[in-house]
Protein backbone atom coordinates (compact mmCIF):
# COMPACT_ATOMS: atom_id res chain seq x y z
CA MET A 1 -14.23 12.66 9.99
CA HIS A 2 -16.96 9.90 9.51
CA GLU A 3 -15.92 9.26 6.14
CA LEU A 4 -12.48 8.70 6.71
CA ILE A 5 -13.80 6.33 9.85
CA ASP A 6 -15.93 4.18 7.27
CA THR A 7 -13.05 3.86 5.11
CA LEU A 8 -10.60 2.90 7.70
CA ALA A 9 -13.07 0.14 8.76
CA GLU A 10 -13.57 -0.88 5.48
CA GLN A 11 -9.98 -1.49 4.84
CA LEU A 12 -9.57 -3.39 8.32
CA GLU A 13 -12.31 -5.45 7.93
CA ARG A 14 -11.80 -6.84 4.59
CA PRO A 15 -10.48 -10.41 4.42
CA LYS A 16 -6.57 -10.87 5.29
CA GLU A 17 -5.03 -14.20 3.89
CA VAL A 18 -3.03 -15.61 7.04
CA PRO A 19 0.73 -15.28 5.94
CA SER A 20 2.97 -18.21 6.47
CA ARG A 21 4.89 -16.32 9.24
CA LEU A 22 2.09 -15.79 11.20
CA VAL A 23 1.19 -19.51 10.99
CA ASP A 24 4.82 -20.33 12.06
CA HIS A 25 4.90 -18.31 14.90
CA VAL A 26 1.53 -19.59 16.31
CA TRP A 27 2.42 -22.94 15.78
CA SER A 28 5.88 -22.87 17.43
CA THR A 29 4.94 -20.69 20.28
CA ASN A 30 1.46 -22.12 21.48
CA GLU A 31 1.97 -25.71 20.42
CA ILE A 32 -1.01 -26.25 18.45
CA ASP A 33 -1.36 -27.76 14.71
CA ARG A 34 -0.88 -25.83 11.79
CA ASP A 35 -4.40 -26.28 10.54
CA ALA A 36 -6.17 -25.26 13.93
CA VAL A 37 -4.42 -21.71 13.55
CA GLY A 38 -8.09 -20.16 12.48
CA GLU A 39 -9.45 -21.77 15.71
CA PHE A 40 -6.51 -20.63 17.91
CA LEU A 41 -7.48 -16.40 16.45
CA VAL A 42 -10.90 -17.10 17.60
CA THR A 43 -10.51 -19.09 20.72
CA ARG A 44 -7.58 -18.35 22.61
CA LEU A 45 -6.24 -15.01 20.98
CA PRO A 46 -8.70 -13.15 23.20
CA ASP A 47 -7.27 -14.46 26.23
CA LEU A 48 -3.76 -13.07 25.58
CA GLU A 49 -1.90 -9.82 26.50
CA ASP A 50 -1.97 -6.88 24.39
CA TYR A 51 1.65 -7.33 23.69
CA GLU A 52 0.73 -10.89 22.55
CA HIS A 53 -2.31 -9.54 20.32
CA GLU A 54 -0.27 -6.86 18.72
CA LEU A 55 2.67 -9.57 17.66
CA ILE A 56 0.57 -12.42 16.37
CA LEU A 57 -1.61 -9.70 14.19
CA SER A 58 1.29 -7.19 13.17
CA PRO A 59 1.77 -9.09 10.15
CA LEU A 60 -1.77 -9.06 9.14
CA TYR A 61 -2.54 -5.21 10.00
CA THR A 62 0.16 -3.23 8.96
CA PRO A 63 -0.89 -0.67 5.87
CA LYS A 64 0.71 -1.25 2.59
CA LEU A 65 1.29 1.51 0.76
CA THR A 66 -2.07 0.75 -1.32
CA ASP A 67 -3.89 0.75 1.95
CA GLN A 68 -2.44 4.54 2.86
CA ALA A 69 -3.46 5.37 -0.94
CA LEU A 70 -6.95 5.15 0.10
CA SER A 71 -7.00 7.37 2.82
CA ALA A 72 -4.66 9.84 0.81
CA GLU A 73 -7.30 9.64 -1.90
CA LEU A 74 -10.01 10.54 0.70
CA LEU A 75 -7.60 13.33 2.36
CA GLY A 76 -6.29 14.86 -0.57
CA GLN A 77 -3.80 17.91 0.63
CA ALA A 78 -5.44 17.81 4.10
CA SER A 79 -3.82 16.23 7.53
CA VAL A 80 -4.99 14.52 10.52
CA ALA A 81 -3.04 15.75 13.33
CA GLU A 82 -1.87 13.35 15.90
CA THR A 83 -3.70 14.76 18.54
CA GLU A 84 -6.93 13.59 16.53
CA TRP A 85 -5.58 9.84 16.26
CA SER A 86 -6.55 8.39 19.86
CA GLY A 87 -10.16 9.45 19.05
CA ILE A 88 -10.32 7.84 15.60
CA VAL A 89 -8.93 4.39 17.42
CA GLN A 90 -11.61 4.78 19.63
CA GLN A 91 -14.39 5.24 17.15
CA LEU A 92 -12.74 2.20 15.59
CA GLU A 93 -12.77 0.31 18.64
CA SER A 94 -16.29 0.88 19.68
CA ARG A 95 -17.88 0.19 16.34
CA PRO A 96 -16.44 -2.62 17.02
CA THR A 97 -14.08 -2.96 14.20
CA THR A 98 -13.85 -6.93 13.36
CA GLY A 99 -10.99 -8.56 11.56
CA SER A 100 -11.81 -11.57 8.97
CA ILE A 101 -9.21 -13.98 8.55
CA LEU A 102 -8.53 -16.04 5.90
CA THR A 103 -6.89 -19.55 6.48
CA SER A 104 -5.65 -21.75 4.04
CA ASP A 105 -8.51 -23.92 3.89
CA GLY A 106 -10.49 -21.08 2.55
CA LYS A 107 -12.49 -20.33 6.23
CA ILE A 108 -12.93 -16.88 7.57
CA TYR A 109 -12.23 -16.41 11.31
CA LYS A 110 -13.97 -13.15 12.75
CA VAL A 111 -11.32 -11.24 15.28
CA PRO A 112 -12.54 -8.35 17.18
CA LEU A 113 -9.41 -5.84 16.74
CA ARG A 114 -7.88 -4.33 19.72
CA GLU A 115 -7.01 -0.98 20.53
CA VAL A 116 -3.36 -1.69 20.21
CA VAL A 117 -3.39 -3.42 16.94
CA LEU A 118 -6.16 -0.40 15.74
CA GLU A 119 -3.43 2.04 17.31
CA ARG A 120 -0.46 0.69 15.05
CA TYR A 121 -2.43 0.50 12.21
CA ILE A 122 -3.22 4.41 12.51
CA ARG A 123 0.11 5.55 13.35
CA LEU A 124 1.79 3.76 10.14
CA LEU A 125 -1.07 5.24 7.95
CA ARG A 126 0.45 8.43 7.48
CA LEU A 127 -2.65 10.23 8.25
CA ASN A 128 -0.37 13.56 9.22
CA GLY A 129 1.47 13.37 5.88
CA SER A 130 0.66 16.38 3.27
CA ILE A 131 1.19 17.52 -0.38
CA PRO A 132 3.15 20.57 -1.27
CA ASP A 133 1.10 22.70 -3.50
CA ALA A 134 3.52 22.52 -6.04
CA VAL A 135 3.50 18.68 -6.08
CA TRP A 136 -0.37 18.93 -6.02
CA VAL A 137 -0.56 20.81 -8.94
CA LEU A 138 1.79 18.50 -11.27
CA LEU A 139 0.06 15.30 -9.89
CA GLN A 140 -3.15 16.66 -12.05
CA GLN A 141 -1.11 16.01 -15.17
CA GLU A 142 -2.50 13.52 -17.88
CA ALA A 143 0.35 11.57 -17.48
CA PHE A 144 -0.11 10.59 -13.82
CA ALA A 145 -3.89 10.04 -14.32
CA GLU A 146 -3.63 5.77 -13.79
CA GLU A 147 -1.34 6.08 -10.71
CA ARG A 148 -2.32 9.24 -8.96
CA THR A 149 -4.07 7.72 -6.48
CA LEU A 150 -1.09 5.66 -5.71
CA PHE A 151 1.06 8.70 -6.06
CA LYS A 152 -0.64 10.68 -3.26
CA ALA A 153 0.18 8.54 -1.00
CA ILE A 154 3.53 8.18 -2.41
CA ALA A 155 4.07 11.93 -2.06
CA ARG A 156 2.66 11.67 1.94
CA ARG A 157 5.40 9.44 2.62
CA ALA A 158 7.74 10.85 5.70
CA ILE A 159 11.14 10.55 3.27
CA TRP A 160 9.90 13.87 1.58
CA GLU A 161 9.40 16.26 4.91
CA ARG A 162 12.57 17.90 4.29
CA ALA A 163 12.48 20.46 1.57
CA PRO A 164 15.63 19.62 -0.47
CA ARG A 165 14.47 15.88 -0.69
CA ALA A 166 10.68 17.00 -1.61
CA ALA A 167 12.55 19.16 -4.45
CA ILE A 168 13.36 15.57 -5.80
CA LEU A 169 10.17 14.47 -6.07
CA LYS A 170 9.07 17.63 -7.72
CA ALA A 171 11.98 17.51 -10.45
CA PHE A 172 10.72 13.95 -11.00
CA LEU A 173 7.41 14.82 -11.57
CA GLU A 174 8.07 18.06 -13.96
CA TRP A 175 10.58 15.87 -16.36
CA SER A 176 8.54 12.87 -16.51
CA GLN A 177 5.04 14.40 -17.67
CA ASP A 178 6.02 13.19 -21.28
CA THR A 179 7.95 10.23 -20.50
CA TYR A 180 6.45 8.41 -17.22
CA LEU A 181 5.90 4.88 -17.44
CA ALA A 182 3.55 2.68 -15.16
CA GLY A 183 5.37 2.01 -11.98
CA ASP A 184 7.99 5.00 -11.94
CA GLY A 185 6.54 6.19 -8.79
CA LEU A 186 7.20 2.93 -6.73
CA ARG A 187 10.63 3.10 -8.46
CA LEU A 188 11.23 6.66 -7.51
CA LEU A 189 9.86 6.03 -4.00
CA SER A 190 12.07 2.89 -3.73
CA VAL A 191 15.41 4.84 -4.45
CA ALA A 192 14.67 7.45 -2.09
CA GLU A 193 13.77 5.53 0.80
CA ASP A 194 16.79 2.99 -0.06
CA HIS A 195 19.60 5.82 -0.71
CA ARG A 196 18.22 8.99 1.22
CA PRO A 197 19.53 11.25 -1.14
CA LYS A 198 19.66 14.59 0.45
CA ASP A 199 18.74 17.17 -2.29
CA VAL A 200 18.65 16.80 -6.34
CA ALA A 201 22.22 17.84 -6.40
CA TYR A 202 23.49 14.89 -4.17
CA LEU A 203 21.14 12.71 -6.57
CA VAL A 204 22.87 13.70 -10.06
CA LYS A 205 26.33 13.14 -8.10
CA ARG A 206 25.30 9.65 -6.84
CA LEU A 207 23.30 8.10 -9.76
CA PRO A 208 26.15 6.95 -11.85
CA GLN A 209 27.48 4.99 -8.63
CA TRP A 210 24.48 3.42 -8.04
CA GLN A 211 24.17 2.50 -11.47
CA GLU A 212 27.34 0.79 -11.26
CA ALA A 213 26.81 -1.20 -8.39
CA LEU A 214 23.91 -2.51 -9.66
CA ARG A 215 25.57 -3.32 -12.67
CA LYS A 216 27.92 -5.43 -10.85
CA GLU A 217 25.52 -7.03 -8.40
CA ILE A 218 23.57 -8.25 -11.78
CA GLU A 219 26.82 -9.66 -13.61
CA ALA A 220 27.43 -11.54 -10.25
CA ALA A 221 23.79 -12.88 -9.88
CA ASP A 222 23.51 -13.72 -13.83
CA ASP A 223 26.07 -16.91 -13.18
CA PRO A 224 23.91 -19.93 -12.07
CA LYS A 225 25.36 -22.52 -10.51
CA PRO A 226 25.59 -25.80 -12.30
CA PHE A 227 24.15 -28.93 -10.77
CA PHE A 228 27.50 -30.98 -10.42
CA VAL A 229 25.88 -33.75 -8.98
CA GLU A 230 22.92 -35.68 -10.53
CA GLN A 231 21.63 -36.43 -7.25
CA ILE A 232 21.47 -32.78 -5.90
CA ARG A 233 20.24 -31.69 -9.24
CA ASP A 234 17.18 -34.32 -8.47
CA SER A 235 16.70 -32.94 -5.25
CA HIS A 236 16.66 -29.87 -5.72
CA GLY A 237 16.25 -28.72 -9.70
CA PHE A 238 13.39 -28.55 -11.73
CA GLU A 239 10.30 -26.62 -9.83
CA ARG A 240 12.62 -26.46 -6.60
CA ASP A 241 15.05 -24.99 -8.35
CA GLN A 242 16.11 -21.74 -6.50
CA ARG A 243 17.61 -20.24 -9.86
CA GLN A 244 13.93 -19.13 -10.75
CA ARG A 245 13.88 -16.70 -7.64
CA GLU A 246 17.30 -15.96 -8.70
CA GLU A 247 16.07 -14.83 -12.07
CA ASP A 248 13.24 -12.91 -10.43
CA ARG A 249 15.63 -10.53 -8.50
CA ILE A 250 18.04 -10.02 -11.55
CA ALA A 251 15.09 -8.87 -13.52
CA GLU A 252 14.23 -6.32 -10.84
CA LYS A 253 17.32 -4.81 -10.66
CA GLN A 254 17.76 -4.65 -14.71
CA ASP A 255 14.34 -2.71 -14.12
CA GLU A 256 15.78 -0.82 -11.56
CA LEU A 257 19.16 -0.10 -13.55
CA VAL A 258 16.93 1.22 -16.66
CA PHE A 259 15.15 3.59 -14.56
CA LEU A 260 18.04 5.08 -12.90
CA SER A 261 19.48 5.59 -16.45
CA ARG A 262 16.30 7.50 -17.35
CA LEU A 263 16.27 9.11 -14.53
CA GLN A 264 19.80 10.47 -14.81
CA GLU A 265 19.41 11.51 -18.34
CA ALA A 266 16.55 13.48 -17.37
CA LEU A 267 17.97 15.62 -14.56
CA LYS A 268 21.25 16.00 -16.51
CA ARG A 269 19.52 18.08 -19.00
CA ARG A 270 17.81 19.87 -16.45
CA TYR A 271 20.67 20.52 -13.80
């Protein structure tokens, strides 16, 4: 447990860049200059109520999948029961665990993290997740070596808790041992959490429909609107042209479509 506490403290104390939505929230609700957000976090945040403290810091201290991966690598197949979480939170708070917040001017501001923030972070880490033996064995295959740590976090996500849905993950690992591409694990997780297929049979049945829907979205998006008025072009074109974002979105959808096609072909051969 001591090693886990140290790992969590290191994650929490790593410098985190202030996102624009945090700046906007602090600026709009506390009547301060945007450039004074860092000073606000040090001088005025300690006087706020717990719910305000959590609301302001939650964009910084919501664990990402990469954060879950660090804990998953340390725990392996083990789980930490919810009854033990309060003890972890207390130990982190008593250290104390201090956040390092990096503002746009390159300065770092130190902010002690309260119980309410630590409790939320620990709750979202999926410490109570587990990895079935069959999945664990498959993850040891060489094909998954480069992304094995991340895959351990993927395998512990709540989406796989039901056995029929967990069979999808197992089937995916089985067919992709010879065809796995970097990022496939994240693509599968996205499909599972977005569509929530109940089992392998349902996934096989629905894949053609999802592919067709994606094709239509790509076709609709891949039709840039021309600038009919020169003044509008001058105001919104070039580096301010939002079409670049649309192109990125199209590329993401095309990538998803390719993955769904590969997944369909593989599952058709097995089911």
